[in-house]
Amino acid sequence: MTATYRMSANEIPDDFLNILRQTFRKGEVAITVEEVPDETDYLFSSSANKYDLLEAIAAEKQGTCYRTITMEEAESFAR
């Protein structure tokens, strides 16, 4: 059995070990703790990606990020 708990460090309950003990009652367990990278930093790591994201944010703020398409256009994407 595998369980993934994802939360900020300050959200870890004091009884977290008890929760693990109740979840994994039998056998041996391996516990790995890793810091989750900031997704914004990752997405901004490429200058091209950063440009595209900032353009999308600007379009969202202006209300121009949506485009109406026909049913035929939508179906052509599925091919």
C-alpha atoms as a PDB file:
ATOM      1  CA  MET A   1       0.000   0.000   0.000  1.00  0.00           C
ATOM      2  CA  THR A   2       1.171   3.519  -0.803  1.00  0.00           C
ATOM      3  CA  ALA A   3      -0.094   6.790   0.586  1.00  0.00           C
ATOM      4  CA  THR A   4       1.013  10.286  -0.300  1.00  0.00           C
ATOM      5  CA  TYR A   5       0.421  13.131   2.121  1.00  0.00           C
ATOM      6  CA  ARG A   6       1.046  16.565   0.646  1.00  0.00           C
ATOM      7  CA  MET A   7       0.824  19.582   2.922  1.00  0.00           C
ATOM      8  CA  SER A   8       2.876  22.529   4.043  1.00  0.00           C
ATOM      9  CA  ALA A   9       5.229  21.857   6.915  1.00  0.00           C
ATOM     10  CA  ASN A  10       3.208  23.974   9.328  1.00  0.00           C
ATOM     11  CA  GLU A  11       0.070  21.926   8.535  1.00  0.00           C
ATOM     12  CA  ILE A  12       1.546  18.599   9.709  1.00  0.00           C
ATOM     13  CA  PRO A  13      -0.542  17.515  12.675  1.00  0.00           C
ATOM     14  CA  ASP A  14       1.228  16.703  15.924  1.00  0.00           C
ATOM     15  CA  ASP A  15      -0.234  13.192  15.841  1.00  0.00           C
ATOM     16  CA  PHE A  16       1.000  12.477  12.298  1.00  0.00           C
ATOM     17  CA  LEU A  17       3.064   9.493  13.419  1.00  0.00           C
ATOM     18  CA  ASN A  18      -0.034   8.014  15.047  1.00  0.00           C
ATOM     19  CA  ILE A  19      -1.911   8.508  11.783  1.00  0.00           C
ATOM     20  CA  LEU A  20       0.854   6.630   9.946  1.00  0.00           C
ATOM     21  CA  ARG A  21       0.822   3.844  12.526  1.00  0.00           C
ATOM     22  CA  GLN A  22      -2.937   3.410  12.103  1.00  0.00           C
ATOM     23  CA  THR A  23      -2.684   3.482   8.305  1.00  0.00           C
ATOM     24  CA  PHE A  24       0.198   1.001   8.085  1.00  0.00           C
ATOM     25  CA  ARG A  25      -0.459  -1.428  10.922  1.00  0.00           C
ATOM     26  CA  LYS A  26       1.567  -4.340   9.614  1.00  0.00           C
ATOM     27  CA  GLY A  27       5.094  -4.712   8.393  1.00  0.00           C
ATOM     28  CA  GLU A  28       7.855  -2.296   7.708  1.00  0.00           C
ATOM     29  CA  VAL A  29       7.430   1.155   6.158  1.00  0.00           C
ATOM     30  CA  ALA A  30       9.810   3.513   4.377  1.00  0.00           C
ATOM     31  CA  ILE A  31       9.330   7.217   5.043  1.00  0.00           C
ATOM     32  CA  THR A  32      10.699   9.783   2.612  1.00  0.00           C
ATOM     33  CA  VAL A  33      10.238  13.500   3.154  1.00  0.00           C
ATOM     34  CA  GLU A  34      10.980  15.905   0.340  1.00  0.00           C
ATOM     35  CA  GLU A  35      10.439  19.574  -0.160  1.00  0.00           C
ATOM     36  CA  VAL A  36       8.062  20.267  -3.033  1.00  0.00           C
ATOM     37  CA  PRO A  37       9.518  22.788  -5.466  1.00  0.00           C
ATOM     38  CA  ASP A  38       7.637  26.024  -6.046  1.00  0.00           C
ATOM     39  CA  GLU A  39       5.678  25.478  -9.271  1.00  0.00           C
ATOM     40  CA  THR A  40       5.842  29.155 -10.199  1.00  0.00           C
ATOM     41  CA  ASP A  41       9.632  29.148 -10.001  1.00  0.00           C
ATOM     42  CA  TYR A  42       9.724  26.037 -12.172  1.00  0.00           C
ATOM     43  CA  LEU A  43       7.332  27.493 -14.757  1.00  0.00           C
ATOM     44  CA  PHE A  44       9.314  30.737 -14.879  1.00  0.00           C
ATOM     45  CA  SER A  45      12.663  28.926 -15.263  1.00  0.00           C
ATOM     46  CA  SER A  46      12.463  29.164 -19.062  1.00  0.00           C
ATOM     47  CA  SER A  47      12.313  32.673 -20.542  1.00  0.00           C
ATOM     48  CA  ALA A  48      10.002  31.487 -23.342  1.00  0.00           C
ATOM     49  CA  ASN A  49       7.686  29.801 -20.860  1.00  0.00           C
ATOM     50  CA  LYS A  50       7.748  32.873 -18.607  1.00  0.00           C
ATOM     51  CA  TYR A  51       6.786  35.065 -21.565  1.00  0.00           C
ATOM     52  CA  ASP A  52       3.891  32.773 -22.522  1.00  0.00           C
ATOM     53  CA  LEU A  53       2.622  32.650 -18.943  1.00  0.00           C
ATOM     54  CA  LEU A  54       2.783  36.412 -18.478  1.00  0.00           C
ATOM     55  CA  GLU A  55       0.974  36.892 -21.809  1.00  0.00           C
ATOM     56  CA  ALA A  56      -1.730  34.458 -20.676  1.00  0.00           C
ATOM     57  CA  ILE A  57      -2.095  36.275 -17.347  1.00  0.00           C
ATOM     58  CA  ALA A  58      -2.411  39.619 -19.131  1.00  0.00           C
ATOM     59  CA  ALA A  59      -5.009  38.184 -21.522  1.00  0.00           C
ATOM     60  CA  GLU A  60      -6.962  36.756 -18.584  1.00  0.00           C
ATOM     61  CA  LYS A  61      -6.978  40.129 -16.844  1.00  0.00           C
ATOM     62  CA  GLN A  62      -8.220  41.807 -20.039  1.00  0.00           C
ATOM     63  CA  GLY A  63     -10.817  39.097 -20.610  1.00  0.00           C
ATOM     64  CA  THR A  64      -9.354  38.193 -23.997  1.00  0.00           C
ATOM     65  CA  CYS A  65      -8.006  34.749 -23.222  1.00  0.00           C
ATOM     66  CA  TYR A  66     -11.080  32.891 -24.458  1.00  0.00           C
ATOM     67  CA  ARG A  67     -11.948  32.280 -28.056  1.00  0.00           C
ATOM     68  CA  THR A  68     -15.219  30.974 -29.417  1.00  0.00           C
ATOM     69  CA  ILE A  69     -14.851  28.136 -31.903  1.00  0.00           C
ATOM     70  CA  THR A  70     -17.303  26.198 -34.005  1.00  0.00           C
ATOM     71  CA  MET A  71     -18.214  22.583 -33.346  1.00  0.00           C
ATOM     72  CA  GLU A  72     -16.291  21.595 -36.478  1.00  0.00           C
ATOM     73  CA  GLU A  73     -13.149  23.274 -35.138  1.00  0.00           C
ATOM     74  CA  ALA A  74     -13.559  21.481 -31.819  1.00  0.00           C
ATOM     75  CA  GLU A  75     -13.995  18.131 -33.547  1.00  0.00           C
ATOM     76  CA  SER A  76     -10.875  18.734 -35.639  1.00  0.00           C
ATOM     77  CA  PHE A  77      -8.836  18.869 -32.405  1.00  0.00           C
ATOM     78  CA  ALA A  78      -9.994  15.358 -31.514  1.00  0.00           C
ATOM     79  CA  ARG A  79      -8.616  13.825 -34.710  1.00  0.00           C
END
